[in-house]
Amino acid sequence: MLQVAYNAFCAALPATSHVVQWGGADVWKVGGKVFAIARPQEDGEMAVSFKCSPLAFDILREQPGLRPAPYLASRGMKWIQWLSPESMPDDALQDYLRESHRLAAAGLTKRVRAELGL
């Protein structure tokens, strides 16, 4: 997924905000909770990290071109890093980004979700 497509997709999800932090990574949040992190690779693609369910984490971490997200997974968080379209096409990645957004939003309080229209 190219940077422009990644940012456009994440921006279209409900109640999101974008910051550039952690050494130039495009970080997307919902209600202040991170749901996606991406940084450009040398080939122009993005290395995209996303939150996932424990079952999805166990399955995806064994797939070529995917790995437990550096730093996050080592701290017990269920985050996967996508490295290339050969491992998962963009539409499947978008499904996981959508689910990551949902998981992050579900962790917000009812009041915050209501304020955000979620």
C-alpha atoms as a PDB file:
ATOM      1  CA  MET A   1       0.000   0.000   0.000  1.00  0.00           C
ATOM      2  CA  LEU A   2       1.389   3.359  -0.959  1.00  0.00           C
ATOM      3  CA  GLN A   3       1.526   6.206   1.552  1.00  0.00           C
ATOM      4  CA  VAL A   4      -1.158   8.281  -0.178  1.00  0.00           C
ATOM      5  CA  ALA A   5      -3.573   5.332  -0.317  1.00  0.00           C
ATOM      6  CA  TYR A   6      -2.869   4.394   3.320  1.00  0.00           C
ATOM      7  CA  ASN A   7      -3.492   7.911   4.597  1.00  0.00           C
ATOM      8  CA  ALA A   8      -6.609   8.380   2.448  1.00  0.00           C
ATOM      9  CA  PHE A   9      -8.073   5.085   3.653  1.00  0.00           C
ATOM     10  CA  CYS A  10      -7.421   5.794   7.340  1.00  0.00           C
ATOM     11  CA  ALA A  11      -8.745   9.365   6.992  1.00  0.00           C
ATOM     12  CA  ALA A  12     -12.037   7.999   5.645  1.00  0.00           C
ATOM     13  CA  LEU A  13     -12.675   5.913   8.778  1.00  0.00           C
ATOM     14  CA  PRO A  14     -14.959   7.551  11.376  1.00  0.00           C
ATOM     15  CA  ALA A  15     -13.564  10.002  13.965  1.00  0.00           C
ATOM     16  CA  THR A  16      -9.885   9.544  13.082  1.00  0.00           C
ATOM     17  CA  SER A  17      -6.943  11.860  13.637  1.00  0.00           C
ATOM     18  CA  HIS A  18      -3.472  11.788  12.097  1.00  0.00           C
ATOM     19  CA  VAL A  19      -0.080  12.670  13.526  1.00  0.00           C
ATOM     20  CA  VAL A  20       3.444  12.167  12.301  1.00  0.00           C
ATOM     21  CA  GLN A  21       5.578  10.901  15.170  1.00  0.00           C
ATOM     22  CA  TRP A  22       8.084   8.238  16.168  1.00  0.00           C
ATOM     23  CA  GLY A  23      10.672   9.124  13.554  1.00  0.00           C
ATOM     24  CA  GLY A  24       8.329  10.138  10.748  1.00  0.00           C
ATOM     25  CA  ALA A  25       5.668   7.431  11.001  1.00  0.00           C
ATOM     26  CA  ASP A  26       2.108   8.188   9.875  1.00  0.00           C
ATOM     27  CA  VAL A  27       0.095   7.379  13.007  1.00  0.00           C
ATOM     28  CA  TRP A  28      -3.700   7.151  12.933  1.00  0.00           C
ATOM     29  CA  LYS A  29      -5.840   7.339  16.052  1.00  0.00           C
ATOM     30  CA  VAL A  30      -9.475   7.118  17.037  1.00  0.00           C
ATOM     31  CA  GLY A  31     -10.370   8.939  20.235  1.00  0.00           C
ATOM     32  CA  GLY A  32      -6.668   9.280  21.018  1.00  0.00           C
ATOM     33  CA  LYS A  33      -6.044   5.520  20.729  1.00  0.00           C
ATOM     34  CA  VAL A  34      -3.628   4.349  18.032  1.00  0.00           C
ATOM     35  CA  PHE A  35      -5.028   1.884  15.495  1.00  0.00           C
ATOM     36  CA  ALA A  36      -2.492   2.100  12.632  1.00  0.00           C
ATOM     37  CA  ILE A  37       1.161   3.043  12.211  1.00  0.00           C
ATOM     38  CA  ALA A  38       3.014   3.168   8.902  1.00  0.00           C
ATOM     39  CA  ARG A  39       6.403   4.195   7.667  1.00  0.00           C
ATOM     40  CA  PRO A  40       7.738   4.215   4.092  1.00  0.00           C
ATOM     41  CA  GLN A  41      10.130   1.469   3.036  1.00  0.00           C
ATOM     42  CA  GLU A  42      12.859   1.742   0.413  1.00  0.00           C
ATOM     43  CA  ASP A  43      10.603   0.206  -2.284  1.00  0.00           C
ATOM     44  CA  GLY A  44       7.952   2.921  -1.850  1.00  0.00           C
ATOM     45  CA  GLU A  45       5.510   0.611  -0.075  1.00  0.00           C
ATOM     46  CA  MET A  46       4.565   1.234   3.526  1.00  0.00           C
ATOM     47  CA  ALA A  47       5.346  -1.043   6.457  1.00  0.00           C
ATOM     48  CA  VAL A  48       1.917  -0.929   8.127  1.00  0.00           C
ATOM     49  CA  SER A  49       1.287  -2.034  11.722  1.00  0.00           C
ATOM     50  CA  PHE A  50      -2.223  -2.668  13.016  1.00  0.00           C
ATOM     51  CA  LYS A  51      -3.976  -3.989  16.095  1.00  0.00           C
ATOM     52  CA  CYS A  52      -5.746  -7.343  15.767  1.00  0.00           C
ATOM     53  CA  SER A  53      -7.546 -10.010  17.764  1.00  0.00           C
ATOM     54  CA  PRO A  54      -5.500 -12.666  19.564  1.00  0.00           C
ATOM     55  CA  LEU A  55      -6.651 -15.311  17.045  1.00  0.00           C
ATOM     56  CA  ALA A  56      -5.766 -13.145  14.024  1.00  0.00           C
ATOM     57  CA  PHE A  57      -2.381 -12.384  15.615  1.00  0.00           C
ATOM     58  CA  ASP A  58      -1.610 -16.086  16.032  1.00  0.00           C
ATOM     59  CA  ILE A  59      -2.527 -16.813  12.408  1.00  0.00           C
ATOM     60  CA  LEU A  60      -0.970 -13.748  10.753  1.00  0.00           C
ATOM     61  CA  ARG A  61       2.378 -13.865  12.539  1.00  0.00           C
ATOM     62  CA  GLU A  62       3.109 -17.160  10.771  1.00  0.00           C
ATOM     63  CA  GLN A  63       2.426 -15.786   7.268  1.00  0.00           C
ATOM     64  CA  PRO A  64       5.252 -14.690   4.937  1.00  0.00           C
ATOM     65  CA  GLY A  65       5.544 -10.912   4.657  1.00  0.00           C
ATOM     66  CA  LEU A  66       3.825 -10.378   8.012  1.00  0.00           C
ATOM     67  CA  ARG A  67       5.395 -10.305  11.453  1.00  0.00           C
ATOM     68  CA  PRO A  68       4.635  -9.276  15.014  1.00  0.00           C
ATOM     69  CA  ALA A  69       4.967  -5.489  15.020  1.00  0.00           C
ATOM     70  CA  PRO A  70       8.330  -4.375  16.391  1.00  0.00           C
ATOM     71  CA  TYR A  71       8.160  -2.856  19.875  1.00  0.00           C
ATOM     72  CA  LEU A  72       4.384  -3.336  20.276  1.00  0.00           C
ATOM     73  CA  ALA A  73       4.242  -7.128  20.063  1.00  0.00           C
ATOM     74  CA  SER A  74       7.317  -7.470  22.264  1.00  0.00           C
ATOM     75  CA  ARG A  75       5.287  -5.763  24.989  1.00  0.00           C
ATOM     76  CA  GLY A  76       2.463  -8.272  24.747  1.00  0.00           C
ATOM     77  CA  MET A  77       0.227  -6.245  22.451  1.00  0.00           C
ATOM     78  CA  LYS A  78      -1.473  -8.031  19.549  1.00  0.00           C
ATOM     79  CA  TRP A  79      -0.111  -5.961  16.665  1.00  0.00           C
ATOM     80  CA  ILE A  80       0.993  -7.228  13.245  1.00  0.00           C
ATOM     81  CA  GLN A  81       3.234  -5.483  10.722  1.00  0.00           C
ATOM     82  CA  TRP A  82       2.425  -5.861   7.014  1.00  0.00           C
ATOM     83  CA  LEU A  83       5.485  -5.564   4.789  1.00  0.00           C
ATOM     84  CA  SER A  84       4.389  -6.211   1.200  1.00  0.00           C
ATOM     85  CA  PRO A  85       1.382  -6.712  -1.073  1.00  0.00           C
ATOM     86  CA  GLU A  86       2.675 -10.202  -1.854  1.00  0.00           C
ATOM     87  CA  SER A  87       1.811 -11.244   1.705  1.00  0.00           C
ATOM     88  CA  MET A  88      -1.665  -9.713   1.731  1.00  0.00           C
ATOM     89  CA  PRO A  89      -3.433  -7.661  -0.951  1.00  0.00           C
ATOM     90  CA  ASP A  90      -4.424  -4.072  -0.192  1.00  0.00           C
ATOM     91  CA  ASP A  91      -8.131  -4.907   0.159  1.00  0.00           C
ATOM     92  CA  ALA A  92      -7.381  -7.495   2.870  1.00  0.00           C
ATOM     93  CA  LEU A  93      -5.065  -5.018   4.605  1.00  0.00           C
ATOM     94  CA  GLN A  94      -7.882  -2.477   4.531  1.00  0.00           C
ATOM     95  CA  ASP A  95     -10.176  -5.022   6.211  1.00  0.00           C
ATOM     96  CA  TYR A  96      -7.608  -5.454   9.006  1.00  0.00           C
ATOM     97  CA  LEU A  97      -7.199  -1.669   9.336  1.00  0.00           C
ATOM     98  CA  ARG A  98     -10.992  -1.364   9.623  1.00  0.00           C
ATOM     99  CA  GLU A  99     -10.986  -4.029  12.346  1.00  0.00           C
ATOM    100  CA  SER A 100      -8.069  -2.342  14.121  1.00  0.00           C
ATOM    101  CA  HIS A 101     -10.070   0.903  14.135  1.00  0.00           C
ATOM    102  CA  ARG A 102     -13.068  -0.976  15.579  1.00  0.00           C
ATOM    103  CA  LEU A 103     -10.938  -2.622  18.284  1.00  0.00           C
ATOM    104  CA  ALA A 104      -9.366   0.700  19.302  1.00  0.00           C
ATOM    105  CA  ALA A 105     -12.771   2.431  19.369  1.00  0.00           C
ATOM    106  CA  ALA A 106     -14.222  -0.404  21.469  1.00  0.00           C
ATOM    107  CA  GLY A 107     -11.601   0.396  24.113  1.00  0.00           C
ATOM    108  CA  LEU A 108     -12.924   3.930  24.530  1.00  0.00           C
ATOM    109  CA  THR A 109     -15.448   4.812  27.200  1.00  0.00           C
ATOM    110  CA  LYS A 110     -19.125   4.935  26.239  1.00  0.00           C
ATOM    111  CA  ARG A 111     -19.093   8.697  26.742  1.00  0.00           C
ATOM    112  CA  VAL A 112     -16.136   9.224  24.385  1.00  0.00           C
ATOM    113  CA  ARG A 113     -17.639   6.885  21.779  1.00  0.00           C
ATOM    114  CA  ALA A 114     -20.887   8.860  21.947  1.00  0.00           C
ATOM    115  CA  GLU A 115     -19.023  12.183  21.638  1.00  0.00           C
ATOM    116  CA  LEU A 116     -17.265  10.829  18.541  1.00  0.00           C
ATOM    117  CA  GLY A 117     -20.472   9.446  17.045  1.00  0.00           C
ATOM    118  CA  LEU A 118     -19.246   5.853  17.213  1.00  0.00           C
END
